[in-house]
């Protein structure tokens, strides 16, 4: 058991390296289909592999990317030169991870709310994933804001599933990313997001304690405290940073080594600016970093467009956003840096 925790400590330290963050490249086949359609790309297995290989072979990516969350299909795919994609990453010092949940289903008697599934057989799947090179995992819980929701029933059900997942991961020597996401899709104010996020995180950490999860060997992946997309009044960068930090200080124990934010539908620039503003406010109990999907990839998908001739352009656009978020992780980001395009 000591060896397992030593291994997880090394993984966690690598995931939270200074100036770097985690690329969430774990889109399901359905989700990546939506993103590909926007760029006119056919959603084939070959294109999915090529796209991810393009990202993973970006020259200099390891300077700003500490880890990559993979979809199960990707974990078992090989590059054009027949190298497992997980090995393409690990050879650069980038830690491979794996999304292990099976998506969401409607929660009975909780209209408008969902729970995440995938615990059945997870212990066996984790051993398979670890043998294929995965050193950390991710499970996403979805909390929806709306009329009369979220309910405590929904928050508690998702928190318990997150804790059970995290315990199974640690038993297998895999670092769990615990992701309770309060969605930003409604018309709620930032104060509503604040209160729901606070309640959610309190419930999650109570369940983690109940399930004896080692806080020192996990990474939290929460939403930032933001206004709902449909809210008439959108909070500014400093207000988002300030209120997010207040919630985290109230709810997240200092034993947790790091917090890797999701972007949650924010624009590329806002996700970077919010992280930078938080890290510019001084010393904190945890490393604050990023685990972005669309906010890192959107420009790269558009630039690549599924065309071989655009391979380097796609890489350059990925490197640019990764570099900016790396600066945000150290509190040195400024909006002027958006114009300093990275080249490969």
Protein backbone atom coordinates (compact mmCIF):
# COMPACT_ATOMS: atom_id res chain seq x y z
CA UNK A 1 0.00 0.00 0.00
CA UNK A 2 2.88 2.38 0.78
CA UNK A 3 4.25 1.80 -2.73
CA UNK A 4 0.87 2.69 -4.24
CA UNK A 5 0.68 5.97 -2.35
CA UNK A 6 4.28 6.84 -3.23
CA UNK A 7 3.42 6.26 -6.88
CA UNK A 8 0.29 8.43 -6.62
CA UNK A 9 2.26 11.19 -4.90
CA UNK A 10 4.70 11.25 -7.82
CA UNK A 11 1.83 11.36 -10.29
CA UNK A 12 0.06 14.16 -8.44
CA UNK A 13 3.24 16.21 -8.27
CA UNK A 14 3.75 15.80 -12.02
CA UNK A 15 0.13 16.77 -12.77
CA UNK A 16 0.50 19.98 -10.77
CA UNK A 17 3.88 21.10 -12.13
CA UNK A 18 4.48 24.83 -12.19
CA UNK A 19 3.54 26.61 -15.40
CA UNK A 20 1.64 23.63 -16.77
CA UNK A 21 -1.89 22.23 -16.81
CA UNK A 22 -4.01 19.34 -18.00
CA UNK A 23 -5.50 18.96 -21.46
CA UNK A 24 -8.95 17.37 -21.34
CA UNK A 25 -8.99 15.43 -24.62
CA UNK A 26 -11.56 12.95 -23.34
CA UNK A 27 -14.56 13.96 -25.43
CA UNK A 28 -16.95 11.11 -26.09
CA UNK A 29 -17.61 10.15 -29.69
CA UNK A 30 -20.85 12.15 -29.58
CA UNK A 31 -19.25 15.25 -28.08
CA UNK A 32 -16.34 15.36 -30.49
CA UNK A 33 -18.83 14.92 -33.34
CA UNK A 34 -20.36 18.28 -32.41
CA UNK A 35 -16.95 19.95 -32.38
CA UNK A 36 -15.86 18.35 -35.62
CA UNK A 37 -19.06 19.37 -37.38
CA UNK A 38 -18.33 23.01 -36.58
CA UNK A 39 -15.06 22.68 -38.49
CA UNK A 40 -16.42 20.51 -41.31
CA UNK A 41 -14.56 17.38 -40.17
CA UNK A 42 -15.98 13.87 -40.60
CA UNK A 43 -16.28 12.05 -37.27
CA UNK A 44 -14.34 8.90 -38.11
CA UNK A 45 -12.03 6.89 -35.88
CA UNK A 46 -9.10 7.81 -38.11
CA UNK A 47 -9.84 11.53 -37.86
CA UNK A 48 -10.26 11.29 -34.09
CA UNK A 49 -6.89 9.59 -33.83
CA UNK A 50 -5.20 12.03 -36.22
CA UNK A 51 -6.60 15.01 -34.37
CA UNK A 52 -5.39 13.82 -31.00
CA UNK A 53 -2.03 12.76 -32.40
CA UNK A 54 -1.66 16.26 -33.85
CA UNK A 55 -2.19 17.75 -30.38
CA UNK A 56 0.03 15.23 -28.59
CA UNK A 57 2.97 15.70 -30.96
CA UNK A 58 2.96 19.50 -30.82
CA UNK A 59 6.59 20.57 -30.41
CA UNK A 60 6.95 22.17 -26.99
CA UNK A 61 3.60 20.93 -25.64
CA UNK A 62 5.33 19.40 -22.61
CA UNK A 63 6.47 22.88 -21.57
CA UNK A 64 2.88 23.82 -20.76
CA UNK A 65 1.02 20.47 -20.54
CA UNK A 66 1.48 18.27 -17.48
CA UNK A 67 -1.12 15.64 -18.31
CA UNK A 68 -3.80 14.64 -20.79
CA UNK A 69 -7.19 13.07 -20.02
CA UNK A 70 -7.92 10.49 -22.70
CA UNK A 71 -11.14 8.90 -23.92
CA UNK A 72 -11.03 5.09 -23.67
CA UNK A 73 -10.76 4.75 -27.45
CA UNK A 74 -7.72 7.02 -27.49
CA UNK A 75 -5.92 5.17 -24.70
CA UNK A 76 -5.77 2.08 -26.89
CA UNK A 77 -5.01 3.81 -30.20
CA UNK A 78 -1.59 4.01 -31.82
CA UNK A 79 0.09 6.83 -33.69
CA UNK A 80 0.96 6.74 -37.36
CA UNK A 81 4.33 5.20 -36.52
CA UNK A 82 2.60 2.49 -34.45
CA UNK A 83 3.41 3.97 -31.01
CA UNK A 84 0.61 3.86 -28.40
CA UNK A 85 -0.69 7.40 -27.95
CA UNK A 86 -0.27 7.06 -24.18
CA UNK A 87 3.42 6.36 -24.83
CA UNK A 88 3.67 9.36 -27.16
CA UNK A 89 2.71 11.43 -24.12
CA UNK A 90 4.74 9.64 -21.45
CA UNK A 91 7.92 9.85 -23.51
CA UNK A 92 7.62 13.63 -23.28
CA UNK A 93 7.03 13.56 -19.53
CA UNK A 94 3.30 14.23 -20.00
CA UNK A 95 1.14 12.08 -17.72
CA UNK A 96 -1.60 10.03 -19.46
CA UNK A 97 -5.00 9.87 -17.75
CA UNK A 98 -8.38 8.36 -18.55
CA UNK A 99 -12.05 9.35 -18.32
CA UNK A 100 -13.81 6.48 -16.55
CA UNK A 101 -17.43 7.55 -16.07
CA UNK A 102 -20.12 6.39 -18.50
CA UNK A 103 -22.04 9.63 -18.78
CA UNK A 104 -25.28 10.69 -17.13
CA UNK A 105 -28.84 9.43 -16.77
CA UNK A 106 -31.94 11.14 -15.42
CA UNK A 107 -32.25 10.85 -11.65
CA UNK A 108 -35.59 9.28 -10.68
CA UNK A 109 -38.05 11.69 -9.05
CA UNK A 110 -35.68 14.63 -9.56
CA UNK A 111 -36.98 16.38 -12.68
CA UNK A 112 -34.28 18.16 -14.66
CA UNK A 113 -31.41 16.54 -12.77
CA UNK A 114 -28.95 13.81 -13.74
CA UNK A 115 -26.57 11.41 -12.03
CA UNK A 116 -23.34 10.02 -13.42
CA UNK A 117 -23.02 6.27 -13.91
CA UNK A 118 -20.15 3.85 -14.47
CA UNK A 119 -19.25 2.36 -11.10
CA UNK A 120 -20.18 -1.20 -12.11
CA UNK A 121 -17.01 -3.04 -13.06
CA UNK A 122 -14.86 0.04 -12.53
CA UNK A 123 -12.34 -1.79 -10.34
CA UNK A 124 -11.56 -4.19 -13.20
CA UNK A 125 -11.49 -1.44 -15.81
CA UNK A 126 -9.02 0.57 -13.75
CA UNK A 127 -6.54 -2.30 -13.77
CA UNK A 128 -6.86 -2.51 -17.56
CA UNK A 129 -6.38 1.24 -17.93
CA UNK A 130 -3.35 1.27 -15.66
CA UNK A 131 -1.75 -1.54 -17.65
CA UNK A 132 -2.28 0.58 -20.79
CA UNK A 133 -0.40 3.51 -19.22
CA UNK A 134 -3.03 5.62 -17.45
CA UNK A 135 -1.79 7.08 -14.16
CA UNK A 136 -4.81 9.20 -13.24
CA UNK A 137 -8.54 9.13 -13.91
CA UNK A 138 -11.48 11.51 -14.16
CA UNK A 139 -15.17 11.27 -13.20
CA UNK A 140 -17.54 14.16 -13.93
CA UNK A 141 -20.66 14.88 -11.91
CA UNK A 142 -23.17 17.38 -13.29
CA UNK A 143 -25.12 19.77 -11.05
CA UNK A 144 -27.83 21.76 -12.83
CA UNK A 145 -29.17 25.14 -11.73
CA UNK A 146 -32.82 25.81 -12.55
CA UNK A 147 -36.26 26.36 -11.04
CA UNK A 148 -36.18 24.52 -7.72
CA UNK A 149 -32.93 22.72 -8.52
CA UNK A 150 -30.43 21.48 -7.66
CA UNK A 151 -31.95 19.37 -4.92
CA UNK A 152 -29.89 18.05 -2.03
CA UNK A 153 -30.85 14.58 -3.22
CA UNK A 154 -29.08 15.16 -6.52
CA UNK A 155 -26.02 16.77 -4.97
CA UNK A 156 -25.69 13.95 -2.44
CA UNK A 157 -26.14 11.18 -5.02
CA UNK A 158 -23.46 12.64 -7.26
CA UNK A 159 -21.11 13.31 -4.35
CA UNK A 160 -21.39 9.73 -3.15
CA UNK A 161 -20.62 8.40 -6.64
CA UNK A 162 -17.59 10.69 -6.88
CA UNK A 163 -16.30 9.42 -3.53
CA UNK A 164 -16.82 5.76 -4.43
CA UNK A 165 -15.02 6.32 -7.73
CA UNK A 166 -12.12 8.10 -5.99
CA UNK A 167 -11.71 5.29 -3.46
CA UNK A 168 -11.63 2.67 -6.23
CA UNK A 169 -8.99 4.69 -8.10
CA UNK A 170 -6.72 5.02 -5.10
CA UNK A 171 -7.05 1.32 -4.30
CA UNK A 172 -5.67 0.69 -7.81
CA UNK A 173 -2.87 3.24 -7.43
CA UNK A 174 -4.50 5.72 -9.81
CA UNK A 175 -4.88 9.40 -8.87
CA UNK A 176 -8.54 10.47 -9.07
CA UNK A 177 -9.60 13.80 -10.50
CA UNK A 178 -12.82 14.61 -8.66
CA UNK A 179 -15.00 16.77 -10.91
CA UNK A 180 -18.24 18.22 -9.52
CA UNK A 181 -19.41 20.67 -12.19
CA UNK A 182 -22.09 23.24 -11.45
CA UNK A 183 -23.28 24.15 -14.93
CA UNK A 184 -23.30 27.76 -16.15
CA UNK A 185 -26.05 27.34 -18.74
CA UNK A 186 -28.98 29.03 -16.95
CA UNK A 187 -29.95 32.65 -16.23
CA UNK A 188 -28.76 32.63 -12.61
CA UNK A 189 -26.66 35.34 -11.01
CA UNK A 190 -23.12 34.76 -9.81
CA UNK A 191 -24.45 34.68 -6.24
CA UNK A 192 -26.63 31.67 -7.04
CA UNK A 193 -23.63 29.90 -8.55
CA UNK A 194 -21.69 30.79 -5.39
CA UNK A 195 -24.21 29.20 -3.03
CA UNK A 196 -24.73 26.07 -5.17
CA UNK A 197 -20.99 25.57 -5.59
CA UNK A 198 -20.41 25.98 -1.85
CA UNK A 199 -23.11 23.42 -1.02
CA UNK A 200 -21.81 21.00 -3.64
CA UNK A 201 -18.20 21.13 -2.47
CA UNK A 202 -19.17 20.75 1.20
CA UNK A 203 -21.18 17.64 0.32
CA UNK A 204 -18.42 16.19 -1.88
CA UNK A 205 -15.75 16.51 0.79
CA UNK A 206 -18.02 15.02 3.44
CA UNK A 207 -18.51 11.97 1.19
CA UNK A 208 -14.79 11.75 0.43
CA UNK A 209 -14.14 11.61 4.18
CA UNK A 210 -16.82 8.95 4.67
CA UNK A 211 -15.22 6.81 1.97
CA UNK A 212 -11.71 7.30 3.43
CA UNK A 213 -10.29 8.89 0.31
CA UNK A 214 -6.78 10.26 0.80
CA UNK A 215 -7.05 13.98 0.09
CA UNK A 216 -3.31 14.22 -0.44
CA UNK A 217 -3.55 11.92 -3.45
CA UNK A 218 -6.37 13.50 -5.47
CA UNK A 219 -6.99 16.57 -7.61
CA UNK A 220 -10.21 18.59 -7.46
CA UNK A 221 -11.69 19.79 -10.77
CA UNK A 222 -14.47 22.28 -9.99
CA UNK A 223 -16.27 24.98 -11.90
CA UNK A 224 -15.39 28.60 -11.32
CA UNK A 225 -18.03 30.78 -9.68
CA UNK A 226 -19.51 32.65 -12.64
CA UNK A 227 -22.78 34.16 -13.83
CA UNK A 228 -25.11 31.91 -15.82
CA UNK A 229 -24.73 32.35 -19.57
CA UNK A 230 -28.27 33.75 -19.85
CA UNK A 231 -27.96 36.17 -16.95
CA UNK A 232 -28.40 39.80 -17.96
CA UNK A 233 -25.55 40.85 -15.67
CA UNK A 234 -22.23 39.13 -16.23
CA UNK A 235 -19.67 39.29 -13.42
CA UNK A 236 -16.27 40.74 -14.24
CA UNK A 237 -12.92 38.97 -14.06
CA UNK A 238 -12.00 40.16 -10.58
CA UNK A 239 -15.41 39.32 -9.11
CA UNK A 240 -15.23 35.80 -10.53
CA UNK A 241 -11.72 35.33 -9.16
CA UNK A 242 -12.59 36.72 -5.73
CA UNK A 243 -15.81 34.77 -5.23
CA UNK A 244 -14.30 31.54 -6.51
CA UNK A 245 -11.46 31.82 -4.01
CA UNK A 246 -13.86 32.55 -1.16
CA UNK A 247 -15.83 29.39 -1.90
CA UNK A 248 -12.68 27.28 -2.19
CA UNK A 249 -11.25 28.58 1.07
CA UNK A 250 -14.51 27.75 2.83
CA UNK A 251 -14.81 24.21 1.52
CA UNK A 252 -11.55 22.66 0.23
CA UNK A 253 -9.13 21.31 2.87
CA UNK A 254 -5.52 22.39 2.60
CA UNK A 255 -4.52 18.73 2.38
CA UNK A 256 -5.72 18.71 -1.23
CA UNK A 257 -2.57 19.40 -3.28
CA UNK A 258 -4.19 20.99 -6.30
CA UNK A 259 -7.29 22.35 -7.97
CA UNK A 260 -7.53 22.07 -11.77
CA UNK A 261 -10.44 24.16 -12.99
CA UNK A 262 -12.73 23.17 -15.83
CA UNK A 263 -13.59 25.92 -18.31
CA UNK A 264 -17.30 25.04 -18.32
CA UNK A 265 -18.27 26.85 -21.49
CA UNK A 266 -16.36 30.08 -20.83
CA UNK A 267 -14.63 31.73 -23.76
CA UNK A 268 -10.96 30.84 -24.28
CA UNK A 269 -9.84 34.24 -23.06
CA UNK A 270 -12.15 34.38 -20.03
CA UNK A 271 -11.07 30.96 -18.78
CA UNK A 272 -7.44 32.05 -18.97
CA UNK A 273 -8.03 35.49 -17.47
CA UNK A 274 -10.02 34.13 -14.51
CA UNK A 275 -7.31 31.60 -13.64
CA UNK A 276 -4.63 34.26 -13.99
CA UNK A 277 -6.50 36.66 -11.73
CA UNK A 278 -6.84 34.04 -9.01
CA UNK A 279 -3.16 33.11 -9.10
CA UNK A 280 -2.15 36.78 -9.07
CA UNK A 281 -3.81 37.28 -5.67
CA UNK A 282 -1.00 35.69 -3.68
CA UNK A 283 -0.19 32.45 -1.87
CA UNK A 284 -2.92 29.83 -1.59
CA UNK A 285 -3.16 26.45 0.19
CA UNK A 286 -3.27 24.55 -3.11
CA UNK A 287 -1.85 24.76 -6.62
CA UNK A 288 -4.44 26.36 -8.90
CA UNK A 289 -4.16 25.11 -12.45
CA UNK A 290 -6.31 24.28 -15.48
CA UNK A 291 -7.89 21.18 -16.96
CA UNK A 292 -9.52 22.63 -20.05
CA UNK A 293 -11.05 20.92 -23.05
CA UNK A 294 -12.78 23.24 -25.49
CA UNK A 295 -10.99 26.34 -24.10
CA UNK A 296 -7.66 24.80 -25.14
CA UNK A 297 -8.75 23.04 -28.32
CA UNK A 298 -11.29 25.20 -30.14
CA UNK A 299 -8.73 27.27 -32.10
CA UNK A 300 -6.73 24.13 -32.94
CA UNK A 301 -9.75 22.27 -34.34
CA UNK A 302 -10.70 25.25 -36.49
CA UNK A 303 -7.16 25.72 -37.79
CA UNK A 304 -6.63 22.02 -38.55
CA UNK A 305 -10.05 21.43 -40.14
CA UNK A 306 -9.15 17.79 -40.76
CA UNK A 307 -6.55 18.65 -43.40
CA UNK A 308 -3.01 17.29 -43.48
CA UNK A 309 -1.70 20.60 -44.80
CA UNK A 310 -3.00 22.36 -41.67
CA UNK A 311 -1.31 20.02 -39.17
CA UNK A 312 1.30 22.56 -38.02
CA UNK A 313 -1.23 25.36 -37.91
CA UNK A 314 -3.42 23.32 -35.58
CA UNK A 315 -0.42 22.63 -33.37
CA UNK A 316 0.52 26.31 -33.28
CA UNK A 317 -2.96 27.28 -32.13
CA UNK A 318 -2.91 24.63 -29.40
CA UNK A 319 0.54 25.72 -28.22
CA UNK A 320 -0.60 29.34 -28.07
CA UNK A 321 -3.50 28.63 -25.70
CA UNK A 322 -1.46 26.18 -23.63
CA UNK A 323 1.29 28.76 -23.21
CA UNK A 324 -1.17 31.46 -22.13
CA UNK A 325 -2.78 29.15 -19.58
CA UNK A 326 0.65 28.15 -18.33
CA UNK A 327 1.27 31.82 -17.62
CA UNK A 328 -2.10 32.06 -15.87
CA UNK A 329 -1.09 29.14 -13.67
CA UNK A 330 1.86 31.18 -12.39
CA UNK A 331 -0.08 34.44 -12.08
CA UNK A 332 1.91 36.14 -14.85
CA UNK A 333 -0.79 36.25 -17.54
CA UNK A 334 -1.91 39.55 -19.08
CA UNK A 335 -4.42 40.15 -21.86
CA UNK A 336 -1.62 41.64 -23.97
CA UNK A 337 -0.14 38.15 -24.24
CA UNK A 338 -3.13 37.06 -26.37
CA UNK A 339 -1.43 38.74 -29.34
CA UNK A 340 1.90 37.00 -28.80
CA UNK A 341 1.17 34.00 -30.98
CA UNK A 342 3.26 30.89 -30.32
CA UNK A 343 4.93 29.16 -33.25
CA UNK A 344 6.00 25.56 -33.75
